[in-house]
């Protein structure tokens, strides 16, 4: 997971900007069905659904996160 944040605050003749980013990797449990992973981001909460299927060897997979914001 990689996330970036920027925020701008304006007060009486002064503007402040806050920037930040983070990256996170998580090992999936054995038997995770990588083709059926779903991720959503809503109201500041990231939810990732990982269905469990029969165990198989696989390559790393990138999951697209959809946002309702």
PDB file of N, CA and C in Angstrom:
ATOM      1  N   UNK A   1       0.844  -1.159   0.000  1.00  0.00           N
ATOM      2  CA  UNK A   1       0.000   0.000   0.000  1.00  0.00           C
ATOM      3  C   UNK A   1       0.897   1.232   0.000  1.00  0.00           C
ATOM      4  N   UNK A   2       0.541   2.209  -0.788  1.00  0.00           N
ATOM      5  CA  UNK A   2       1.251   3.475  -0.802  1.00  0.00           C
ATOM      6  C   UNK A   2       0.207   4.577  -0.733  1.00  0.00           C
ATOM      7  N   UNK A   3       0.405   5.527   0.140  1.00  0.00           N
ATOM      8  CA  UNK A   3      -0.556   6.616   0.307  1.00  0.00           C
ATOM      9  C   UNK A   3       0.183   7.941   0.355  1.00  0.00           C
ATOM     10  N   UNK A   4      -0.473   8.984  -0.153  1.00  0.00           N
ATOM     11  CA  UNK A   4       0.075  10.331  -0.084  1.00  0.00           C
ATOM     12  C   UNK A   4      -0.994  11.268   0.445  1.00  0.00           C
ATOM     13  N   UNK A   5      -0.554  12.268   1.169  1.00  0.00           N
ATOM     14  CA  UNK A   5      -1.490  13.206   1.789  1.00  0.00           C
ATOM     15  C   UNK A   5      -0.964  14.622   1.621  1.00  0.00           C
ATOM     16  N   UNK A   6      -1.864  15.530   1.338  1.00  0.00           N
ATOM     17  CA  UNK A   6      -1.493  16.945   1.337  1.00  0.00           C
ATOM     18  C   UNK A   6      -2.652  17.736   1.935  1.00  0.00           C
ATOM     19  N   UNK A   7      -2.309  18.734   2.673  1.00  0.00           N
ATOM     20  CA  UNK A   7      -3.310  19.549   3.349  1.00  0.00           C
ATOM     21  C   UNK A   7      -2.872  21.003   3.292  1.00  0.00           C
ATOM     22  N   UNK A   8      -3.828  21.900   3.097  1.00  0.00           N
ATOM     23  CA  UNK A   8      -3.517  23.326   3.033  1.00  0.00           C
ATOM     24  C   UNK A   8      -4.405  24.061   4.034  1.00  0.00           C
ATOM     25  N   UNK A   9      -3.782  24.887   4.874  1.00  0.00           N
ATOM     26  CA  UNK A   9      -4.524  25.682   5.847  1.00  0.00           C
ATOM     27  C   UNK A   9      -4.145  27.145   5.669  1.00  0.00           C
ATOM     28  N   UNK A  10      -5.163  27.985   5.581  1.00  0.00           N
ATOM     29  CA  UNK A  10      -4.920  29.424   5.427  1.00  0.00           C
ATOM     30  C   UNK A  10      -5.473  30.167   6.639  1.00  0.00           C
ATOM     31  N   UNK A  11      -4.644  31.043   7.201  1.00  0.00           N
ATOM     32  CA  UNK A  11      -5.069  31.910   8.295  1.00  0.00           C
ATOM     33  C   UNK A  11      -4.458  33.288   8.052  1.00  0.00           C
ATOM     34  N   UNK A  12      -5.075  34.311   8.483  1.00  0.00           N
ATOM     35  CA  UNK A  12      -4.655  35.714   8.371  1.00  0.00           C
ATOM     36  C   UNK A  12      -3.274  35.937   7.738  1.00  0.00           C
ATOM     37  N   UNK A  13      -3.216  35.898   6.416  1.00  0.00           N
ATOM     38  CA  UNK A  13      -1.971  36.200   5.716  1.00  0.00           C
ATOM     39  C   UNK A  13      -0.929  35.101   5.735  1.00  0.00           C
ATOM     40  N   UNK A  14      -1.284  33.929   6.200  1.00  0.00           N
ATOM     41  CA  UNK A  14      -0.315  32.834   6.284  1.00  0.00           C
ATOM     42  C   UNK A  14      -0.956  31.568   5.736  1.00  0.00           C
ATOM     43  N   UNK A  15      -0.189  30.818   4.951  1.00  0.00           N
ATOM     44  CA  UNK A  15      -0.659  29.545   4.410  1.00  0.00           C
ATOM     45  C   UNK A  15       0.319  28.456   4.813  1.00  0.00           C
ATOM     46  N   UNK A  16      -0.203  27.354   5.339  1.00  0.00           N
ATOM     47  CA  UNK A  16       0.635  26.220   5.724  1.00  0.00           C
ATOM     48  C   UNK A  16       0.248  25.012   4.885  1.00  0.00           C
ATOM     49  N   UNK A  17       1.258  24.276   4.473  1.00  0.00           N
ATOM     50  CA  UNK A  17       1.042  23.058   3.699  1.00  0.00           C
ATOM     51  C   UNK A  17       1.635  21.879   4.466  1.00  0.00           C
ATOM     52  N   UNK A  18       0.894  20.794   4.524  1.00  0.00           N
ATOM     53  CA  UNK A  18       1.379  19.573   5.153  1.00  0.00           C
ATOM     54  C   UNK A  18       1.367  18.472   4.107  1.00  0.00           C
ATOM     55  N   UNK A  19       2.492  17.805   3.930  1.00  0.00           N
ATOM     56  CA  UNK A  19       2.602  16.730   2.960  1.00  0.00           C
ATOM     57  C   UNK A  19       3.147  15.490   3.655  1.00  0.00           C
ATOM     58  N   UNK A  20       2.767  14.340   3.167  1.00  0.00           N
ATOM     59  CA  UNK A  20       3.309  13.109   3.731  1.00  0.00           C
ATOM     60  C   UNK A  20       2.954  11.923   2.860  1.00  0.00           C
ATOM     61  N   UNK A  21       3.736  10.875   2.959  1.00  0.00           N
ATOM     62  CA  UNK A  21       3.430   9.650   2.235  1.00  0.00           C
ATOM     63  C   UNK A  21       3.857   8.465   3.086  1.00  0.00           C
ATOM     64  N   UNK A  22       3.241   7.329   2.816  1.00  0.00           N
ATOM     65  CA  UNK A  22       3.608   6.117   3.533  1.00  0.00           C
ATOM     66  C   UNK A  22       3.455   4.924   2.598  1.00  0.00           C
ATOM     67  N   UNK A  23       4.196   3.897   2.884  1.00  0.00           N
ATOM     68  CA  UNK A  23       4.141   2.661   2.106  1.00  0.00           C
ATOM     69  C   UNK A  23       4.055   1.504   3.078  1.00  0.00           C
ATOM     70  N   UNK A  24       3.241   0.516   2.735  1.00  0.00           N
ATOM     71  CA  UNK A  24       3.077  -0.635   3.621  1.00  0.00           C
ATOM     72  C   UNK A  24       2.903  -1.894   2.790  1.00  0.00           C
ATOM     73  N   UNK A  25       3.576  -2.953   3.153  1.00  0.00           N
ATOM     74  CA  UNK A  25       3.430  -4.257   2.511  1.00  0.00           C
ATOM     75  C   UNK A  25       2.932  -5.243   3.541  1.00  0.00           C
ATOM     76  N   UNK A  26       2.037  -6.113   3.127  1.00  0.00           N
ATOM     77  CA  UNK A  26       1.469  -7.097   4.034  1.00  0.00           C
ATOM     78  C   UNK A  26       1.524  -8.460   3.355  1.00  0.00           C
ATOM     79  N   UNK A  27       2.035  -9.455   4.059  1.00  0.00           N
ATOM     80  CA  UNK A  27       2.049 -10.813   3.524  1.00  0.00           C
ATOM     81  C   UNK A  27       0.638 -11.390   3.626  1.00  0.00           C
ATOM     82  N   UNK A  28       0.148 -11.939   2.528  1.00  0.00           N
ATOM     83  CA  UNK A  28      -1.191 -12.526   2.532  1.00  0.00           C
ATOM     84  C   UNK A  28      -1.168 -13.900   3.183  1.00  0.00           C
ATOM     85  N   UNK A  29      -2.270 -14.290   3.791  1.00  0.00           N
ATOM     86  CA  UNK A  29      -2.318 -15.620   4.416  1.00  0.00           C
ATOM     87  C   UNK A  29      -2.292 -16.714   3.345  1.00  0.00           C
ATOM     88  N   UNK A  30      -1.835 -17.870   3.718  1.00  0.00           N
ATOM     89  CA  UNK A  30      -1.813 -19.001   2.798  1.00  0.00           C
ATOM     90  C   UNK A  30      -3.246 -19.303   2.368  1.00  0.00           C
ATOM     91  N   UNK A  31      -3.423 -19.529   1.081  1.00  0.00           N
ATOM     92  CA  UNK A  31      -4.752 -19.823   0.571  1.00  0.00           C
ATOM     93  C   UNK A  31      -5.531 -18.600   0.143  1.00  0.00           C
ATOM     94  N   UNK A  32      -4.924 -17.405   0.194  1.00  0.00           N
ATOM     95  CA  UNK A  32      -5.627 -16.188  -0.221  1.00  0.00           C
ATOM     96  C   UNK A  32      -5.873 -16.225  -1.724  1.00  0.00           C
ATOM     97  N   UNK A  33      -7.083 -15.889  -2.141  1.00  0.00           N
ATOM     98  CA  UNK A  33      -7.447 -15.847  -3.558  1.00  0.00           C
ATOM     99  C   UNK A  33      -7.094 -14.460  -4.088  1.00  0.00           C
ATOM    100  N   UNK A  34      -5.893 -14.322  -4.667  1.00  0.00           N
ATOM    101  CA  UNK A  34      -5.381 -13.019  -5.102  1.00  0.00           C
ATOM    102  C   UNK A  34      -6.232 -12.388  -6.199  1.00  0.00           C
ATOM    103  N   UNK A  35      -6.881 -13.175  -7.009  1.00  0.00           N
ATOM    104  CA  UNK A  35      -7.682 -12.634  -8.103  1.00  0.00           C
ATOM    105  C   UNK A  35      -9.002 -12.041  -7.615  1.00  0.00           C
ATOM    106  N   UNK A  36      -9.377 -12.304  -6.378  1.00  0.00           N
ATOM    107  CA  UNK A  36     -10.657 -11.818  -5.858  1.00  0.00           C
ATOM    108  C   UNK A  36     -10.490 -10.780  -4.750  1.00  0.00           C
ATOM    109  N   UNK A  37      -9.274 -10.233  -4.579  1.00  0.00           N
ATOM    110  CA  UNK A  37      -9.029  -9.223  -3.549  1.00  0.00           C
ATOM    111  C   UNK A  37      -9.713  -7.919  -3.951  1.00  0.00           C
ATOM    112  N   UNK A  38     -10.364  -7.271  -3.000  1.00  0.00           N
ATOM    113  CA  UNK A  38     -11.016  -5.979  -3.243  1.00  0.00           C
ATOM    114  C   UNK A  38     -10.568  -4.998  -2.170  1.00  0.00           C
ATOM    115  N   UNK A  39     -10.340  -3.741  -2.566  1.00  0.00           N
ATOM    116  CA  UNK A  39      -9.927  -2.707  -1.614  1.00  0.00           C
ATOM    117  C   UNK A  39     -10.721  -1.442  -1.866  1.00  0.00           C
ATOM    118  N   UNK A  40     -11.206  -0.816  -0.784  1.00  0.00           N
ATOM    119  CA  UNK A  40     -11.922   0.448  -0.884  1.00  0.00           C
ATOM    120  C   UNK A  40     -11.412   1.408   0.182  1.00  0.00           C
ATOM    121  N   UNK A  41     -11.522   2.695  -0.111  1.00  0.00           N
ATOM    122  CA  UNK A  41     -11.123   3.730   0.835  1.00  0.00           C
ATOM    123  C   UNK A  41     -12.299   4.687   0.969  1.00  0.00           C
ATOM    124  N   UNK A  42     -12.874   4.757   2.158  1.00  0.00           N
ATOM    125  CA  UNK A  42     -14.059   5.582   2.369  1.00  0.00           C
ATOM    126  C   UNK A  42     -13.981   6.249   3.740  1.00  0.00           C
ATOM    127  N   UNK A  43     -14.149   7.558   3.762  1.00  0.00           N
ATOM    128  CA  UNK A  43     -14.139   8.344   4.999  1.00  0.00           C
ATOM    129  C   UNK A  43     -12.887   8.085   5.843  1.00  0.00           C
ATOM    130  N   UNK A  44     -11.737   7.979   5.170  1.00  0.00           N
ATOM    131  CA  UNK A  44     -10.472   7.795   5.870  1.00  0.00           C
ATOM    132  C   UNK A  44     -10.179   6.369   6.314  1.00  0.00           C
ATOM    133  N   UNK A  45     -11.016   5.407   5.906  1.00  0.00           N
ATOM    134  CA  UNK A  45     -10.815   4.017   6.329  1.00  0.00           C
ATOM    135  C   UNK A  45     -10.538   3.155   5.102  1.00  0.00           C
ATOM    136  N   UNK A  46      -9.408   2.471   5.102  1.00  0.00           N
ATOM    137  CA  UNK A  46      -9.046   1.535   4.041  1.00  0.00           C
ATOM    138  C   UNK A  46      -9.525   0.150   4.444  1.00  0.00           C
ATOM    139  N   UNK A  47     -10.343  -0.476   3.597  1.00  0.00           N
ATOM    140  CA  UNK A  47     -10.837  -1.819   3.859  1.00  0.00           C
ATOM    141  C   UNK A  47     -10.356  -2.730   2.742  1.00  0.00           C
ATOM    142  N   UNK A  48      -9.717  -3.824   3.108  1.00  0.00           N
ATOM    143  CA  UNK A  48      -9.223  -4.798   2.140  1.00  0.00           C
ATOM    144  C   UNK A  48      -9.860  -6.141   2.450  1.00  0.00           C
ATOM    145  N   UNK A  49     -10.546  -6.718   1.452  1.00  0.00           N
ATOM    146  CA  UNK A  49     -11.182  -8.029   1.603  1.00  0.00           C
ATOM    147  C   UNK A  49     -10.339  -9.058   0.862  1.00  0.00           C
ATOM    148  N   UNK A  50      -9.885 -10.084   1.588  1.00  0.00           N
ATOM    149  CA  UNK A  50      -9.047 -11.122   1.008  1.00  0.00           C
ATOM    150  C   UNK A  50      -9.727 -12.473   1.212  1.00  0.00           C
ATOM    151  N   UNK A  51     -10.425 -12.983   0.182  1.00  0.00           N
ATOM    152  CA  UNK A  51     -11.061 -14.291   0.322  1.00  0.00           C
ATOM    153  C   UNK A  51     -10.008 -15.405   0.373  1.00  0.00           C
ATOM    154  N   UNK A  52     -10.289 -16.430   1.138  1.00  0.00           N
ATOM    155  CA  UNK A  52      -9.376 -17.569   1.268  1.00  0.00           C
ATOM    156  C   UNK A  52      -9.835 -18.681   0.326  1.00  0.00           C
ATOM    157  N   UNK A  53      -8.899 -19.195  -0.469  1.00  0.00           N
ATOM    158  CA  UNK A  53      -9.167 -20.281  -1.412  1.00  0.00           C
ATOM    159  C   UNK A  53      -8.119 -21.379  -1.212  1.00  0.00           C
ATOM    160  N   UNK A  54      -8.107 -22.333  -2.089  1.00  0.00           N
ATOM    161  CA  UNK A  54      -7.119 -23.412  -2.023  1.00  0.00           C
ATOM    162  C   UNK A  54      -5.714 -22.820  -2.149  1.00  0.00           C
ATOM    163  N   UNK A  55      -4.767 -23.366  -1.396  1.00  0.00           N
ATOM    164  CA  UNK A  55      -3.392 -22.862  -1.396  1.00  0.00           C
ATOM    165  C   UNK A  55      -2.706 -23.160  -2.723  1.00  0.00           C
ATOM    166  N   UNK A  56      -2.088 -22.101  -3.308  1.00  0.00           N
ATOM    167  CA  UNK A  56      -1.329 -22.229  -4.546  1.00  0.00           C
ATOM    168  C   UNK A  56      -0.131 -21.295  -4.466  1.00  0.00           C
ATOM    169  N   UNK A  57       0.965 -21.655  -5.137  1.00  0.00           N
ATOM    170  CA  UNK A  57       2.121 -20.769  -5.219  1.00  0.00           C
ATOM    171  C   UNK A  57       1.787 -19.654  -6.202  1.00  0.00           C
ATOM    172  N   UNK A  58       2.181 -18.418  -5.889  1.00  0.00           N
ATOM    173  CA  UNK A  58       1.840 -17.313  -6.777  1.00  0.00           C
ATOM    174  C   UNK A  58       2.898 -16.224  -6.726  1.00  0.00           C
ATOM    175  N   UNK A  59       2.804 -15.300  -7.691  1.00  0.00           N
ATOM    176  CA  UNK A  59       3.681 -14.148  -7.782  1.00  0.00           C
ATOM    177  C   UNK A  59       3.042 -12.975  -7.036  1.00  0.00           C
ATOM    178  N   UNK A  60       3.818 -11.956  -6.645  1.00  0.00           N
ATOM    179  CA  UNK A  60       3.227 -10.779  -6.004  1.00  0.00           C
ATOM    180  C   UNK A  60       2.185 -10.143  -6.915  1.00  0.00           C
ATOM    181  N   UNK A  61       1.167  -9.544  -6.332  1.00  0.00           N
ATOM    182  CA  UNK A  61       0.077  -8.946  -7.100  1.00  0.00           C
ATOM    183  C   UNK A  61      -0.210  -7.546  -6.566  1.00  0.00           C
ATOM    184  N   UNK A  62      -0.484  -6.611  -7.478  1.00  0.00           N
ATOM    185  CA  UNK A  62      -0.853  -5.247  -7.111  1.00  0.00           C
ATOM    186  C   UNK A  62      -2.374  -5.144  -7.111  1.00  0.00           C
ATOM    187  N   UNK A  63      -2.929  -4.497  -6.082  1.00  0.00           N
ATOM    188  CA  UNK A  63      -4.372  -4.347  -5.952  1.00  0.00           C
ATOM    189  C   UNK A  63      -4.710  -2.869  -6.062  1.00  0.00           C
ATOM    190  N   UNK A  64      -5.672  -2.531  -6.937  1.00  0.00           N
ATOM    191  CA  UNK A  64      -6.095  -1.147  -7.108  1.00  0.00           C
ATOM    192  C   UNK A  64      -7.101  -0.799  -6.010  1.00  0.00           C
ATOM    193  N   UNK A  65      -6.906   0.359  -5.386  1.00  0.00           N
ATOM    194  CA  UNK A  65      -7.800   0.834  -4.333  1.00  0.00           C
ATOM    195  C   UNK A  65      -8.720   1.882  -4.931  1.00  0.00           C
ATOM    196  N   UNK A  66     -10.016   1.698  -4.759  1.00  0.00           N
ATOM    197  CA  UNK A  66     -10.979   2.680  -5.237  1.00  0.00           C
ATOM    198  C   UNK A  66     -11.426   3.559  -4.090  1.00  0.00           C
ATOM    199  N   UNK A  67     -11.601   4.848  -4.371  1.00  0.00           N
ATOM    200  CA  UNK A  67     -11.977   5.800  -3.335  1.00  0.00           C
ATOM    201  C   UNK A  67     -13.343   6.393  -3.651  1.00  0.00           C
ATOM    202  N   UNK A  68     -14.142   6.598  -2.625  1.00  0.00           N
ATOM    203  CA  UNK A  68     -15.445   7.231  -2.812  1.00  0.00           C
ATOM    204  C   UNK A  68     -15.352   8.730  -2.591  1.00  0.00           C
ATOM    205  N   UNK A  69     -14.175   9.231  -2.296  1.00  0.00           N
ATOM    206  CA  UNK A  69     -13.990  10.669  -2.041  1.00  0.00           C
ATOM    207  C   UNK A  69     -13.646  11.392  -3.310  1.00  0.00           C
TER     208      UNK A  69
END
